[in-house]
PDB file of N, CA and C in Angstrom:
ATOM      1  N   MET A   1       0.925  -1.191  -0.123  1.00  0.00           N
ATOM      2  CA  MET A   1       0.032   0.209   0.048  1.00  0.00           C
ATOM      3  C   MET A   1       0.998   1.429   0.011  1.00  0.00           C
ATOM      4  N   GLN A   2       0.582   2.170  -0.849  1.00  0.00           N
ATOM      5  CA  GLN A   2       1.275   3.787  -1.027  1.00  0.00           C
ATOM      6  C   GLN A   2       0.553   4.398  -0.357  1.00  0.00           C
ATOM      7  N   ILE A   3       1.391   5.227   0.550  1.00  0.00           N
ATOM      8  CA  ILE A   3       0.656   6.525   1.086  1.00  0.00           C
ATOM      9  C   ILE A   3       0.751   7.594  -0.071  1.00  0.00           C
ATOM     10  N   THR A   4      -0.212   8.425   0.056  1.00  0.00           N
ATOM     11  CA  THR A   4      -0.322   9.384  -1.010  1.00  0.00           C
ATOM     12  C   THR A   4      -0.452  10.850  -0.141  1.00  0.00           C
ATOM     13  N   ARG A   5       0.113  11.853  -1.028  1.00  0.00           N
ATOM     14  CA  ARG A   5      -0.197  13.307  -0.433  1.00  0.00           C
ATOM     15  C   ARG A   5      -1.523  13.262   0.099  1.00  0.00           C
ATOM     16  N   LYS A   6      -2.440  12.644  -0.701  1.00  0.00           N
ATOM     17  CA  LYS A   6      -3.825  13.327  -0.372  1.00  0.00           C
ATOM     18  C   LYS A   6      -4.058  12.578   0.802  1.00  0.00           C
ATOM     19  N   ASP A   7      -3.472  11.288   1.109  1.00  0.00           N
ATOM     20  CA  ASP A   7      -3.907  10.770   2.522  1.00  0.00           C
ATOM     21  C   ASP A   7      -3.231  11.638   3.465  1.00  0.00           C
ATOM     22  N   VAL A   8      -1.976  11.951   3.330  1.00  0.00           N
ATOM     23  CA  VAL A   8      -1.302  12.905   4.478  1.00  0.00           C
ATOM     24  C   VAL A   8      -2.233  14.346   4.890  1.00  0.00           C
ATOM     25  N   LEU A   9      -2.877  14.595   3.674  1.00  0.00           N
ATOM     26  CA  LEU A   9      -3.166  15.876   3.766  1.00  0.00           C
ATOM     27  C   LEU A   9      -4.666  15.694   4.560  1.00  0.00           C
ATOM     28  N   HIS A  10      -5.335  14.453   4.431  1.00  0.00           N
ATOM     29  CA  HIS A  10      -6.096  14.196   5.056  1.00  0.00           C
ATOM     30  C   HIS A  10      -6.244  14.094   6.499  1.00  0.00           C
ATOM     31  N   VAL A  11      -5.260  13.424   6.839  1.00  0.00           N
ATOM     32  CA  VAL A  11      -4.971  12.911   8.079  1.00  0.00           C
ATOM     33  C   VAL A  11      -4.485  14.042   8.767  1.00  0.00           C
ATOM     34  N   SER A  12      -3.475  15.051   8.220  1.00  0.00           N
ATOM     35  CA  SER A  12      -3.348  16.258   8.960  1.00  0.00           C
ATOM     36  C   SER A  12      -4.740  17.219   9.154  1.00  0.00           C
ATOM     37  N   LYS A  13      -5.329  17.139   8.224  1.00  0.00           N
ATOM     38  CA  LYS A  13      -6.817  18.055   8.291  1.00  0.00           C
ATOM     39  C   LYS A  13      -7.563  17.571   9.826  1.00  0.00           C
ATOM     40  N   LEU A  14      -7.607  16.159   9.677  1.00  0.00           N
ATOM     41  CA  LEU A  14      -8.242  15.432  10.696  1.00  0.00           C
ATOM     42  C   LEU A  14      -7.506  15.812  12.110  1.00  0.00           C
ATOM     43  N   ALA A  15      -6.241  15.526  12.355  1.00  0.00           N
ATOM     44  CA  ALA A  15      -5.400  16.010  13.380  1.00  0.00           C
ATOM     45  C   ALA A  15      -5.457  17.413  13.584  1.00  0.00           C
ATOM     46  N   LYS A  16      -5.852  18.397  12.759  1.00  0.00           N
ATOM     47  CA  LYS A  16      -5.613  19.555  12.831  1.00  0.00           C
ATOM     48  C   LYS A  16      -4.288  20.246  12.900  1.00  0.00           C
ATOM     49  N   LEU A  17      -3.264  19.763  12.200  1.00  0.00           N
ATOM     50  CA  LEU A  17      -1.960  19.893  11.809  1.00  0.00           C
ATOM     51  C   LEU A  17      -1.959  20.709  10.580  1.00  0.00           C
ATOM     52  N   TYR A  18      -1.138  21.838  10.663  1.00  0.00           N
ATOM     53  CA  TYR A  18      -1.042  22.356   9.356  1.00  0.00           C
ATOM     54  C   TYR A  18       0.555  22.426   8.816  1.00  0.00           C
ATOM     55  N   LEU A  19       0.472  21.822   7.549  1.00  0.00           N
ATOM     56  CA  LEU A  19       1.778  21.249   7.089  1.00  0.00           C
ATOM     57  C   LEU A  19       2.080  22.006   5.868  1.00  0.00           C
ATOM     58  N   ASN A  20       3.546  22.352   5.804  1.00  0.00           N
ATOM     59  CA  ASN A  20       3.875  22.899   4.358  1.00  0.00           C
ATOM     60  C   ASN A  20       4.247  21.852   3.562  1.00  0.00           C
ATOM     61  N   ASP A  21       4.221  22.385   2.335  1.00  0.00           N
ATOM     62  CA  ASP A  21       4.516  21.121   1.232  1.00  0.00           C
ATOM     63  C   ASP A  21       5.773  20.600   1.414  1.00  0.00           C
ATOM     64  N   ASN A  22       6.957  20.808   2.069  1.00  0.00           N
ATOM     65  CA  ASN A  22       7.982  19.945   2.273  1.00  0.00           C
ATOM     66  C   ASN A  22       7.718  19.066   3.366  1.00  0.00           C
ATOM     67  N   GLU A  23       6.882  19.368   4.369  1.00  0.00           N
ATOM     68  CA  GLU A  23       6.492  18.440   5.457  1.00  0.00           C
ATOM     69  C   GLU A  23       5.500  17.582   4.991  1.00  0.00           C
ATOM     70  N   VAL A  24       4.664  17.826   4.079  1.00  0.00           N
ATOM     71  CA  VAL A  24       3.794  16.834   3.020  1.00  0.00           C
ATOM     72  C   VAL A  24       4.641  15.960   2.586  1.00  0.00           C
ATOM     73  N   ASP A  25       5.707  16.362   1.811  1.00  0.00           N
ATOM     74  CA  ASP A  25       6.289  15.410   1.162  1.00  0.00           C
ATOM     75  C   ASP A  25       7.262  14.346   1.962  1.00  0.00           C
ATOM     76  N   LYS A  26       8.038  14.821   3.134  1.00  0.00           N
ATOM     77  CA  LYS A  26       8.556  14.192   4.081  1.00  0.00           C
ATOM     78  C   LYS A  26       7.375  13.126   4.666  1.00  0.00           C
ATOM     79  N   PHE A  27       6.371  13.380   5.028  1.00  0.00           N
ATOM     80  CA  PHE A  27       5.580  12.393   5.749  1.00  0.00           C
ATOM     81  C   PHE A  27       5.132  11.619   4.825  1.00  0.00           C
ATOM     82  N   THR A  28       4.794  12.012   3.870  1.00  0.00           N
ATOM     83  CA  THR A  28       4.314  10.957   2.552  1.00  0.00           C
ATOM     84  C   THR A  28       5.313   9.982   2.469  1.00  0.00           C
ATOM     85  N   LYS A  29       6.751  10.310   2.308  1.00  0.00           N
ATOM     86  CA  LYS A  29       7.734   9.448   2.325  1.00  0.00           C
ATOM     87  C   LYS A  29       7.869   8.448   3.544  1.00  0.00           C
ATOM     88  N   ASN A  30       7.985   9.151   4.323  1.00  0.00           N
ATOM     89  CA  ASN A  30       7.934   8.336   5.754  1.00  0.00           C
ATOM     90  C   ASN A  30       7.194   7.377   6.009  1.00  0.00           C
ATOM     91  N   LEU A  31       5.790   7.676   6.006  1.00  0.00           N
ATOM     92  CA  LEU A  31       4.672   6.986   5.938  1.00  0.00           C
ATOM     93  C   LEU A  31       4.536   5.920   5.307  1.00  0.00           C
ATOM     94  N   SER A  32       4.849   6.125   4.074  1.00  0.00           N
ATOM     95  CA  SER A  32       5.293   4.927   2.975  1.00  0.00           C
ATOM     96  C   SER A  32       6.023   3.951   3.364  1.00  0.00           C
ATOM     97  N   ASP A  33       7.153   4.631   3.876  1.00  0.00           N
ATOM     98  CA  ASP A  33       8.151   3.492   4.276  1.00  0.00           C
ATOM     99  C   ASP A  33       7.850   2.585   5.274  1.00  0.00           C
ATOM    100  N   ILE A  34       7.153   3.250   6.373  1.00  0.00           N
ATOM    101  CA  ILE A  34       6.453   2.508   7.582  1.00  0.00           C
ATOM    102  C   ILE A  34       5.609   1.313   6.962  1.00  0.00           C
ATOM    103  N   VAL A  35       4.663   1.892   6.208  1.00  0.00           N
ATOM    104  CA  VAL A  35       3.720   0.766   5.858  1.00  0.00           C
ATOM    105  C   VAL A  35       4.210  -0.011   4.775  1.00  0.00           C
ATOM    106  N   ASN A  36       5.276   0.120   4.115  1.00  0.00           N
ATOM    107  CA  ASN A  36       5.688  -0.833   3.367  1.00  0.00           C
ATOM    108  C   ASN A  36       6.697  -1.876   4.245  1.00  0.00           C
ATOM    109  N   PHE A  37       7.185  -1.550   5.128  1.00  0.00           N
ATOM    110  CA  PHE A  37       7.916  -2.270   6.085  1.00  0.00           C
ATOM    111  C   PHE A  37       6.951  -3.289   7.047  1.00  0.00           C
ATOM    112  N   ALA A  38       5.906  -2.586   7.084  1.00  0.00           N
ATOM    113  CA  ALA A  38       4.845  -3.501   7.700  1.00  0.00           C
ATOM    114  C   ALA A  38       4.403  -4.556   7.016  1.00  0.00           C
ATOM    115  N   ASP A  39       4.045  -4.371   5.638  1.00  0.00           N
ATOM    116  CA  ASP A  39       3.787  -5.007   4.695  1.00  0.00           C
ATOM    117  C   ASP A  39       4.756  -6.401   4.452  1.00  0.00           C
ATOM    118  N   ARG A  40       6.143  -6.123   4.343  1.00  0.00           N
ATOM    119  CA  ARG A  40       7.263  -7.146   4.750  1.00  0.00           C
ATOM    120  C   ARG A  40       6.950  -7.712   5.738  1.00  0.00           C
ATOM    121  N   LEU A  41       6.579  -7.791   6.649  1.00  0.00           N
ATOM    122  CA  LEU A  41       6.079  -8.575   7.726  1.00  0.00           C
ATOM    123  C   LEU A  41       5.049  -9.668   7.483  1.00  0.00           C
ATOM    124  N   ASN A  42       4.197  -9.204   6.690  1.00  0.00           N
ATOM    125  CA  ASN A  42       3.098 -10.401   6.371  1.00  0.00           C
ATOM    126  C   ASN A  42       3.505 -11.533   5.456  1.00  0.00           C
ATOM    127  N   GLY A  43       4.717 -11.276   5.067  1.00  0.00           N
ATOM    128  CA  GLY A  43       5.305 -12.245   4.164  1.00  0.00           C
ATOM    129  C   GLY A  43       6.479 -13.312   4.819  1.00  0.00           C
ATOM    130  N   ILE A  44       6.284 -12.980   6.148  1.00  0.00           N
ATOM    131  CA  ILE A  44       7.060 -13.928   6.870  1.00  0.00           C
ATOM    132  C   ILE A  44       6.462 -15.172   7.412  1.00  0.00           C
ATOM    133  N   ASP A  45       7.130 -16.243   7.333  1.00  0.00           N
ATOM    134  CA  ASP A  45       6.393 -17.749   7.756  1.00  0.00           C
ATOM    135  C   ASP A  45       6.494 -18.030   9.111  1.00  0.00           C
ATOM    136  N   VAL A  46       5.239 -17.972   9.824  1.00  0.00           N
ATOM    137  CA  VAL A  46       5.285 -18.132  11.255  1.00  0.00           C
ATOM    138  C   VAL A  46       4.099 -19.374  11.572  1.00  0.00           C
ATOM    139  N   SER A  47       4.179 -20.403  10.650  1.00  0.00           N
ATOM    140  CA  SER A  47       3.348 -21.533  10.577  1.00  0.00           C
ATOM    141  C   SER A  47       3.654 -22.436  12.027  1.00  0.00           C
ATOM    142  N   GLY A  48       5.285 -22.357  12.180  1.00  0.00           N
ATOM    143  CA  GLY A  48       5.620 -23.257  13.297  1.00  0.00           C
ATOM    144  C   GLY A  48       5.505 -22.405  14.569  1.00  0.00           C
ATOM    145  N   VAL A  49       5.033 -21.464  14.310  1.00  0.00           N
ATOM    146  CA  VAL A  49       5.425 -20.561  15.607  1.00  0.00           C
ATOM    147  C   VAL A  49       4.033 -20.610  16.732  1.00  0.00           C
ATOM    148  N   SER A  50       3.818 -20.761  17.923  1.00  0.00           N
ATOM    149  CA  SER A  50       2.674 -20.496  18.449  1.00  0.00           C
ATOM    150  C   SER A  50       2.541 -19.297  18.886  1.00  0.00           C
ATOM    151  N   PRO A  51       1.047 -18.901  19.011  1.00  0.00           N
ATOM    152  CA  PRO A  51       0.562 -17.712  19.630  1.00  0.00           C
ATOM    153  C   PRO A  51       0.895 -17.406  20.840  1.00  0.00           C
ATOM    154  N   THR A  52       1.327 -16.362  21.227  1.00  0.00           N
ATOM    155  CA  THR A  52       1.947 -15.780  22.280  1.00  0.00           C
ATOM    156  C   THR A  52       1.350 -14.564  22.823  1.00  0.00           C
ATOM    157  N   ALA A  53       0.718 -14.533  24.216  1.00  0.00           N
ATOM    158  CA  ALA A  53       0.342 -13.510  24.702  1.00  0.00           C
ATOM    159  C   ALA A  53       1.034 -12.600  25.554  1.00  0.00           C
ATOM    160  N   ALA A  54       2.042 -13.394  26.229  1.00  0.00           N
ATOM    161  CA  ALA A  54       3.302 -12.593  26.811  1.00  0.00           C
ATOM    162  C   ALA A  54       4.411 -13.343  26.923  1.00  0.00           C
ATOM    163  N   ILE A  55       5.511 -12.991  27.031  1.00  0.00           N
ATOM    164  CA  ILE A  55       6.689 -13.760  26.745  1.00  0.00           C
ATOM    165  C   ILE A  55       7.505 -14.184  28.121  1.00  0.00           C
ATOM    166  N   LEU A  56       6.927 -13.921  28.983  1.00  0.00           N
ATOM    167  CA  LEU A  56       7.326 -14.246  30.541  1.00  0.00           C
ATOM    168  C   LEU A  56       6.068 -15.044  31.113  1.00  0.00           C
ATOM    169  N   PRO A  57       6.532 -15.609  32.061  1.00  0.00           N
ATOM    170  CA  PRO A  57       5.348 -16.605  32.625  1.00  0.00           C
ATOM    171  C   PRO A  57       4.780 -15.663  33.644  1.00  0.00           C
ATOM    172  N   LEU A  58       3.334 -15.496  33.776  1.00  0.00           N
ATOM    173  CA  LEU A  58       2.489 -14.645  34.384  1.00  0.00           C
ATOM    174  C   LEU A  58       2.370 -15.296  35.855  1.00  0.00           C
ATOM    175  N   GLN A  59       2.515 -14.197  36.628  1.00  0.00           N
ATOM    176  CA  GLN A  59       1.963 -14.629  38.210  1.00  0.00           C
ATOM    177  C   GLN A  59       1.415 -13.556  38.819  1.00  0.00           C
ATOM    178  N   ASN A  60       0.732 -13.784  39.822  1.00  0.00           N
ATOM    179  CA  ASN A  60       0.154 -13.002  40.481  1.00  0.00           C
ATOM    180  C   ASN A  60       0.994 -11.912  41.416  1.00  0.00           C
ATOM    181  N   VAL A  61       0.977 -10.639  41.517  1.00  0.00           N
ATOM    182  CA  VAL A  61       1.942 -10.041  41.795  1.00  0.00           C
ATOM    183  C   VAL A  61       1.362  -8.848  43.405  1.00  0.00           C
ATOM    184  N   PHE A  62      -0.022  -9.227  43.412  1.00  0.00           N
ATOM    185  CA  PHE A  62      -0.953  -8.455  44.158  1.00  0.00           C
ATOM    186  C   PHE A  62      -0.862  -9.010  45.809  1.00  0.00           C
ATOM    187  N   ARG A  63      -0.493  -7.957  46.858  1.00  0.00           N
ATOM    188  CA  ARG A  63      -0.385  -8.159  48.135  1.00  0.00           C
ATOM    189  C   ARG A  63      -1.484  -8.828  48.810  1.00  0.00           C
ATOM    190  N   GLU A  64      -1.655  -9.393  49.792  1.00  0.00           N
ATOM    191  CA  GLU A  64      -2.533  -9.786  50.765  1.00  0.00           C
ATOM    192  C   GLU A  64      -3.396  -8.630  51.197  1.00  0.00           C
ATOM    193  N   ASP A  65      -4.754  -8.645  51.202  1.00  0.00           N
ATOM    194  CA  ASP A  65      -5.527  -7.458  51.498  1.00  0.00           C
ATOM    195  C   ASP A  65      -5.538  -7.486  53.036  1.00  0.00           C
ATOM    196  N   LYS A  66      -4.852  -6.333  53.752  1.00  0.00           N
ATOM    197  CA  LYS A  66      -4.912  -6.292  55.162  1.00  0.00           C
ATOM    198  C   LYS A  66      -5.804  -4.876  55.484  1.00  0.00           C
ATOM    199  N   ILE A  67      -6.483  -5.091  56.563  1.00  0.00           N
ATOM    200  CA  ILE A  67      -6.920  -3.843  57.217  1.00  0.00           C
ATOM    201  C   ILE A  67      -6.001  -3.157  58.123  1.00  0.00           C
ATOM    202  N   GLU A  68      -5.460  -2.136  57.693  1.00  0.00           N
ATOM    203  CA  GLU A  68      -4.681  -1.064  58.283  1.00  0.00           C
ATOM    204  C   GLU A  68      -4.868   0.301  58.960  1.00  0.00           C
ATOM    205  N   LYS A  69      -4.682   0.999  60.130  1.00  0.00           N
ATOM    206  CA  LYS A  69      -5.084   2.239  60.436  1.00  0.00           C
ATOM    207  C   LYS A  69      -4.486   3.005  59.562  1.00  0.00           C
ATOM    208  N   SER A  70      -5.347   4.064  59.208  1.00  0.00           N
ATOM    209  CA  SER A  70      -5.031   5.138  58.071  1.00  0.00           C
ATOM    210  C   SER A  70      -4.756   6.314  58.733  1.00  0.00           C
ATOM    211  N   MET A  71      -4.418   7.365  58.012  1.00  0.00           N
ATOM    212  CA  MET A  71      -3.913   8.877  58.639  1.00  0.00           C
ATOM    213  C   MET A  71      -5.244   9.308  59.218  1.00  0.00           C
ATOM    214  N   ASP A  72      -4.948  10.097  60.456  1.00  0.00           N
ATOM    215  CA  ASP A  72      -6.109  11.076  61.072  1.00  0.00           C
ATOM    216  C   ASP A  72      -6.553  11.921  59.867  1.00  0.00           C
ATOM    217  N   ARG A  73      -7.993  12.020  59.780  1.00  0.00           N
ATOM    218  CA  ARG A  73      -8.560  12.595  58.537  1.00  0.00           C
ATOM    219  C   ARG A  73      -8.190  14.252  59.000  1.00  0.00           C
ATOM    220  N   GLU A  74      -8.507  14.812  60.387  1.00  0.00           N
ATOM    221  CA  GLU A  74      -8.145  16.290  60.587  1.00  0.00           C
ATOM    222  C   GLU A  74      -6.754  16.377  60.255  1.00  0.00           C
ATOM    223  N   LYS A  75      -5.864  15.356  60.671  1.00  0.00           N
ATOM    224  CA  LYS A  75      -4.283  15.837  60.377  1.00  0.00           C
ATOM    225  C   LYS A  75      -4.113  16.227  58.779  1.00  0.00           C
ATOM    226  N   ILE A  76      -4.911  15.255  57.903  1.00  0.00           N
ATOM    227  CA  ILE A  76      -4.883  15.507  56.307  1.00  0.00           C
ATOM    228  C   ILE A  76      -5.384  16.804  55.992  1.00  0.00           C
ATOM    229  N   LEU A  77      -6.562  17.178  56.705  1.00  0.00           N
ATOM    230  CA  LEU A  77      -7.190  18.205  56.303  1.00  0.00           C
ATOM    231  C   LEU A  77      -6.637  19.655  56.709  1.00  0.00           C
ATOM    232  N   GLN A  78      -5.789  19.451  57.488  1.00  0.00           N
ATOM    233  CA  GLN A  78      -5.234  20.895  58.535  1.00  0.00           C
ATOM    234  C   GLN A  78      -4.562  21.785  57.519  1.00  0.00           C
ATOM    235  N   ASN A  79      -4.014  21.446  56.391  1.00  0.00           N
ATOM    236  CA  ASN A  79      -3.525  22.389  55.499  1.00  0.00           C
ATOM    237  C   ASN A  79      -4.585  22.605  54.360  1.00  0.00           C
ATOM    238  N   ALA A  80      -5.525  22.241  54.244  1.00  0.00           N
ATOM    239  CA  ALA A  80      -6.806  22.326  53.025  1.00  0.00           C
ATOM    240  C   ALA A  80      -6.847  23.934  53.183  1.00  0.00           C
ATOM    241  N   PRO A  81      -6.826  24.271  52.151  1.00  0.00           N
ATOM    242  CA  PRO A  81      -7.207  25.827  51.915  1.00  0.00           C
ATOM    243  C   PRO A  81      -8.848  25.893  52.330  1.00  0.00           C
ATOM    244  N   GLU A  82      -9.748  24.644  51.751  1.00  0.00           N
ATOM    245  CA  GLU A  82     -10.963  25.098  52.158  1.00  0.00           C
ATOM    246  C   GLU A  82     -11.481  23.564  52.372  1.00  0.00           C
ATOM    247  N   LYS A  83     -12.469  23.053  53.409  1.00  0.00           N
ATOM    248  CA  LYS A  83     -12.857  21.938  53.833  1.00  0.00           C
ATOM    249  C   LYS A  83     -14.348  21.856  54.119  1.00  0.00           C
ATOM    250  N   SER A  84     -15.003  20.795  53.832  1.00  0.00           N
ATOM    251  CA  SER A  84     -16.490  20.869  53.991  1.00  0.00           C
ATOM    252  C   SER A  84     -16.567  19.117  54.168  1.00  0.00           C
ATOM    253  N   TYR A  85     -17.685  19.030  55.197  1.00  0.00           N
ATOM    254  CA  TYR A  85     -17.787  17.364  55.811  1.00  0.00           C
ATOM    255  C   TYR A  85     -16.790  16.655  55.623  1.00  0.00           C
ATOM    256  N   GLY A  86     -15.629  16.997  56.198  1.00  0.00           N
ATOM    257  CA  GLY A  86     -14.467  16.130  56.290  1.00  0.00           C
ATOM    258  C   GLY A  86     -13.778  15.745  55.066  1.00  0.00           C
ATOM    259  N   CYS A  87     -14.260  16.783  53.958  1.00  0.00           N
ATOM    260  CA  CYS A  87     -13.130  16.381  52.678  1.00  0.00           C
ATOM    261  C   CYS A  87     -12.726  17.795  52.189  1.00  0.00           C
ATOM    262  N   PHE A  88     -11.737  17.404  51.437  1.00  0.00           N
ATOM    263  CA  PHE A  88     -11.301  18.818  50.499  1.00  0.00           C
ATOM    264  C   PHE A  88     -12.329  19.661  49.737  1.00  0.00           C
ATOM    265  N   TRP A  89     -12.476  20.950  49.994  1.00  0.00           N
ATOM    266  CA  TRP A  89     -13.428  21.557  49.098  1.00  0.00           C
ATOM    267  C   TRP A  89     -13.020  22.337  47.997  1.00  0.00           C
ATOM    268  N   VAL A  90     -13.472  22.140  46.536  1.00  0.00           N
ATOM    269  CA  VAL A  90     -12.884  22.433  45.336  1.00  0.00           C
ATOM    270  C   VAL A  90     -13.915  23.369  44.652  1.00  0.00           C
ATOM    271  N   LYS A  91     -13.661  24.597  44.601  1.00  0.00           N
ATOM    272  CA  LYS A  91     -14.578  25.430  43.930  1.00  0.00           C
ATOM    273  C   LYS A  91     -15.011  25.078  42.674  1.00  0.00           C
ATOM    274  N   ASN A  92     -13.714  25.066  41.692  1.00  0.00           N
ATOM    275  CA  ASN A  92     -13.907  24.747  40.056  1.00  0.00           C
ATOM    276  C   ASN A  92     -14.329  23.256  40.067  1.00  0.00           C
ATOM    277  N   LYS A  93     -14.945  23.174  39.033  1.00  0.00           N
ATOM    278  CA  LYS A  93     -15.319  21.673  38.512  1.00  0.00           C
ATOM    279  C   LYS A  93     -14.360  20.986  37.896  1.00  0.00           C
ATOM    280  N   ILE A  94     -13.714  19.942  38.323  1.00  0.00           N
ATOM    281  CA  ILE A  94     -12.378  19.348  37.883  1.00  0.00           C
ATOM    282  C   ILE A  94     -12.816  18.321  37.002  1.00  0.00           C
ATOM    283  N   VAL A  95     -13.623  17.461  36.877  1.00  0.00           N
ATOM    284  CA  VAL A  95     -14.312  16.423  35.937  1.00  0.00           C
ATOM    285  C   VAL A  95     -15.589  16.831  35.335  1.00  0.00           C
ATOM    286  N   GLU A  96     -15.572  16.736  34.131  1.00  0.00           N
ATOM    287  CA  GLU A  96     -16.973  16.903  33.392  1.00  0.00           C
ATOM    288  C   GLU A  96     -17.505  15.696  32.856  1.00  0.00           C
TER     289      GLU A  96
END
């Protein structure tokens, strides 16, 4: 598959990137080289290779759940600029 100038211009428009003619030519060549290399990988015979999800053996790395004493809430909140109902008070919306 060959990447064309039209493809690069289309993708740059979608990404809201403004490229000059030299950059369009450069990216057209570079992206074509990448796609051609990936196409070469399709020609490799992997019939004797079993599918692998991970190269290392998997093991559980979680620690045992233990109930432990937490820090004192008042001590945590003593430097809060504002607090309400035992929590940090944030005036501005953080998550939309």
